[in-house]
């Protein structure tokens, strides 16, 4: 495979990851970040989750990317579904202690730190 096709695949993966993170942000991030701004305790919990995500992805050894974060979020959702978790319908109640939602919100927080270059 020459560089033209490998670059096309990399660009497609990058676009797909950004689209996935945008969908996650729309579903979880917007309401979660608004709730966290109103509740410093929730923000502290989300910061702890973000640190856990960074540790899981070895972000101290390699930079975070949209592809890594999107894949991580997909893995969290897949594992949660396999263990019986269901995504809330309608408005999310951020006062509930839902580990999955808080972890996904942490991914949204980290995604906001990514460079926006294409």
C-alpha atoms as a PDB file:
ATOM      1  CA  UNK A   1       0.000   0.000   0.000  1.00  0.00           C
ATOM      2  CA  UNK A   2       1.439   3.337  -0.922  1.00  0.00           C
ATOM      3  CA  UNK A   3       1.350   6.522   1.133  1.00  0.00           C
ATOM      4  CA  UNK A   4      -1.665   7.930  -0.664  1.00  0.00           C
ATOM      5  CA  UNK A   5      -3.979   5.203   0.591  1.00  0.00           C
ATOM      6  CA  UNK A   6      -2.524   4.988   4.072  1.00  0.00           C
ATOM      7  CA  UNK A   7      -2.903   8.751   4.467  1.00  0.00           C
ATOM      8  CA  UNK A   8      -6.502   8.534   3.278  1.00  0.00           C
ATOM      9  CA  UNK A   9      -7.231   5.843   5.858  1.00  0.00           C
ATOM     10  CA  UNK A  10      -5.628   7.918   8.605  1.00  0.00           C
ATOM     11  CA  UNK A  11      -7.676  10.975   7.627  1.00  0.00           C
ATOM     12  CA  UNK A  12     -10.865   8.896   7.586  1.00  0.00           C
ATOM     13  CA  UNK A  13     -10.098   7.494  11.040  1.00  0.00           C
ATOM     14  CA  UNK A  14      -9.401  10.996  12.315  1.00  0.00           C
ATOM     15  CA  UNK A  15     -12.698  12.329  10.911  1.00  0.00           C
ATOM     16  CA  UNK A  16     -14.610   9.364  12.321  1.00  0.00           C
ATOM     17  CA  UNK A  17     -13.081   9.853  15.767  1.00  0.00           C
ATOM     18  CA  UNK A  18     -13.928  13.549  15.793  1.00  0.00           C
ATOM     19  CA  UNK A  19     -17.500  12.768  14.696  1.00  0.00           C
ATOM     20  CA  UNK A  20     -17.815  10.186  17.464  1.00  0.00           C
ATOM     21  CA  UNK A  21     -16.538  12.646  20.074  1.00  0.00           C
ATOM     22  CA  UNK A  22     -18.912  15.331  18.762  1.00  0.00           C
ATOM     23  CA  UNK A  23     -21.828  12.909  19.138  1.00  0.00           C
ATOM     24  CA  UNK A  24     -20.694  12.019  22.657  1.00  0.00           C
ATOM     25  CA  UNK A  25     -20.388  15.689  23.549  1.00  0.00           C
ATOM     26  CA  UNK A  26     -23.904  16.365  22.276  1.00  0.00           C
ATOM     27  CA  UNK A  27     -25.325  13.401  24.200  1.00  0.00           C
ATOM     28  CA  UNK A  28     -23.371  13.744  27.445  1.00  0.00           C
ATOM     29  CA  UNK A  29     -20.906  16.610  27.418  1.00  0.00           C
ATOM     30  CA  UNK A  30     -23.147  19.639  27.011  1.00  0.00           C
ATOM     31  CA  UNK A  31     -25.493  18.842  29.887  1.00  0.00           C
ATOM     32  CA  UNK A  32     -22.741  17.314  32.008  1.00  0.00           C
ATOM     33  CA  UNK A  33     -20.433  20.304  31.728  1.00  0.00           C
ATOM     34  CA  UNK A  34     -23.327  22.645  32.528  1.00  0.00           C
ATOM     35  CA  UNK A  35     -24.145  20.565  35.614  1.00  0.00           C
ATOM     36  CA  UNK A  36     -20.484  20.478  36.649  1.00  0.00           C
ATOM     37  CA  UNK A  37     -20.220  24.271  36.405  1.00  0.00           C
ATOM     38  CA  UNK A  38     -23.102  24.500  38.865  1.00  0.00           C
ATOM     39  CA  UNK A  39     -21.741  21.797  41.164  1.00  0.00           C
ATOM     40  CA  UNK A  40     -18.050  21.981  42.135  1.00  0.00           C
ATOM     41  CA  UNK A  41     -18.279  18.515  43.707  1.00  0.00           C
ATOM     42  CA  UNK A  42     -19.320  17.016  40.385  1.00  0.00           C
ATOM     43  CA  UNK A  43     -16.518  18.878  38.624  1.00  0.00           C
ATOM     44  CA  UNK A  44     -14.038  17.417  41.111  1.00  0.00           C
ATOM     45  CA  UNK A  45     -15.328  13.900  40.421  1.00  0.00           C
ATOM     46  CA  UNK A  46     -15.104  14.487  36.660  1.00  0.00           C
ATOM     47  CA  UNK A  47     -11.534  15.771  37.051  1.00  0.00           C
ATOM     48  CA  UNK A  48     -10.672  12.547  38.897  1.00  0.00           C
ATOM     49  CA  UNK A  49     -12.247  10.501  36.114  1.00  0.00           C
ATOM     50  CA  UNK A  50     -10.304  12.504  33.529  1.00  0.00           C
ATOM     51  CA  UNK A  51      -7.087  11.668  35.382  1.00  0.00           C
ATOM     52  CA  UNK A  52      -8.109   8.011  35.325  1.00  0.00           C
ATOM     53  CA  UNK A  53      -8.728   8.140  31.582  1.00  0.00           C
ATOM     54  CA  UNK A  54      -5.359   9.812  31.004  1.00  0.00           C
ATOM     55  CA  UNK A  55      -3.674   7.113  33.110  1.00  0.00           C
ATOM     56  CA  UNK A  56      -5.492   4.350  31.208  1.00  0.00           C
ATOM     57  CA  UNK A  57      -4.306   5.793  27.915  1.00  0.00           C
ATOM     58  CA  UNK A  58      -0.748   6.386  29.155  1.00  0.00           C
ATOM     59  CA  UNK A  59      -1.118  10.055  28.298  1.00  0.00           C
ATOM     60  CA  UNK A  60       2.065  10.800  30.199  1.00  0.00           C
ATOM     61  CA  UNK A  61       3.975   8.770  27.601  1.00  0.00           C
ATOM     62  CA  UNK A  62       2.099   9.643  24.408  1.00  0.00           C
ATOM     63  CA  UNK A  63      -0.208  12.479  23.432  1.00  0.00           C
ATOM     64  CA  UNK A  64      -3.954  12.149  23.629  1.00  0.00           C
ATOM     65  CA  UNK A  65      -5.621  12.006  20.246  1.00  0.00           C
ATOM     66  CA  UNK A  66      -9.203  12.005  19.072  1.00  0.00           C
ATOM     67  CA  UNK A  67      -8.761   8.410  17.920  1.00  0.00           C
ATOM     68  CA  UNK A  68      -7.559   7.250  21.351  1.00  0.00           C
ATOM     69  CA  UNK A  69     -10.352   9.082  23.186  1.00  0.00           C
ATOM     70  CA  UNK A  70     -13.087   7.901  20.826  1.00  0.00           C
ATOM     71  CA  UNK A  71     -11.891   4.306  21.057  1.00  0.00           C
ATOM     72  CA  UNK A  72     -11.727   4.549  24.848  1.00  0.00           C
ATOM     73  CA  UNK A  73     -15.283   5.927  25.047  1.00  0.00           C
ATOM     74  CA  UNK A  74     -16.535   3.170  22.756  1.00  0.00           C
ATOM     75  CA  UNK A  75     -14.850   0.579  24.968  1.00  0.00           C
ATOM     76  CA  UNK A  76     -16.443   2.026  28.093  1.00  0.00           C
ATOM     77  CA  UNK A  77     -19.893   1.983  26.463  1.00  0.00           C
ATOM     78  CA  UNK A  78     -19.457  -1.537  25.101  1.00  0.00           C
ATOM     79  CA  UNK A  79     -18.333  -2.926  28.459  1.00  0.00           C
ATOM     80  CA  UNK A  80     -21.140  -1.109  30.255  1.00  0.00           C
ATOM     81  CA  UNK A  81     -23.778  -2.471  27.860  1.00  0.00           C
ATOM     82  CA  UNK A  82     -22.387  -5.985  28.291  1.00  0.00           C
ATOM     83  CA  UNK A  83     -22.836  -5.596  32.049  1.00  0.00           C
ATOM     84  CA  UNK A  84     -26.437  -4.453  31.755  1.00  0.00           C
ATOM     85  CA  UNK A  85     -26.016  -0.678  31.790  1.00  0.00           C
ATOM     86  CA  UNK A  86     -28.548   1.261  29.772  1.00  0.00           C
ATOM     87  CA  UNK A  87     -28.136   4.801  28.584  1.00  0.00           C
ATOM     88  CA  UNK A  88     -30.622   7.195  30.142  1.00  0.00           C
ATOM     89  CA  UNK A  89     -33.448   8.409  27.995  1.00  0.00           C
ATOM     90  CA  UNK A  90     -34.189  12.116  27.997  1.00  0.00           C
ATOM     91  CA  UNK A  91     -32.507  14.492  30.392  1.00  0.00           C
ATOM     92  CA  UNK A  92     -29.571  13.096  32.355  1.00  0.00           C
ATOM     93  CA  UNK A  93     -29.800  13.419  36.127  1.00  0.00           C
ATOM     94  CA  UNK A  94     -26.227  14.337  37.018  1.00  0.00           C
ATOM     95  CA  UNK A  95     -26.945  13.996  40.742  1.00  0.00           C
ATOM     96  CA  UNK A  96     -27.046  10.215  40.301  1.00  0.00           C
ATOM     97  CA  UNK A  97     -23.777   8.394  40.847  1.00  0.00           C
ATOM     98  CA  UNK A  98     -23.488   6.811  37.377  1.00  0.00           C
ATOM     99  CA  UNK A  99     -19.850   5.796  36.853  1.00  0.00           C
ATOM    100  CA  UNK A 100     -20.295   5.255  33.108  1.00  0.00           C
ATOM    101  CA  UNK A 101     -21.792   8.692  32.465  1.00  0.00           C
ATOM    102  CA  UNK A 102     -19.154  10.364  34.576  1.00  0.00           C
ATOM    103  CA  UNK A 103     -16.380   8.527  32.753  1.00  0.00           C
ATOM    104  CA  UNK A 104     -17.852   9.495  29.385  1.00  0.00           C
ATOM    105  CA  UNK A 105     -18.144  13.093  30.529  1.00  0.00           C
ATOM    106  CA  UNK A 106     -14.470  12.970  31.460  1.00  0.00           C
ATOM    107  CA  UNK A 107     -13.709  11.890  27.891  1.00  0.00           C
ATOM    108  CA  UNK A 108     -15.645  14.957  26.680  1.00  0.00           C
ATOM    109  CA  UNK A 109     -13.607  17.180  28.986  1.00  0.00           C
ATOM    110  CA  UNK A 110     -10.373  15.717  27.631  1.00  0.00           C
ATOM    111  CA  UNK A 111     -11.581  16.012  24.046  1.00  0.00           C
ATOM    112  CA  UNK A 112     -11.932  19.754  24.582  1.00  0.00           C
ATOM    113  CA  UNK A 113      -8.163  19.922  25.185  1.00  0.00           C
ATOM    114  CA  UNK A 114      -7.275  18.417  21.800  1.00  0.00           C
ATOM    115  CA  UNK A 115      -5.849  20.624  19.066  1.00  0.00           C
ATOM    116  CA  UNK A 116      -8.442  21.605  16.481  1.00  0.00           C
ATOM    117  CA  UNK A 117      -6.124  21.369  13.475  1.00  0.00           C
ATOM    118  CA  UNK A 118      -7.121  19.057  10.660  1.00  0.00           C
END
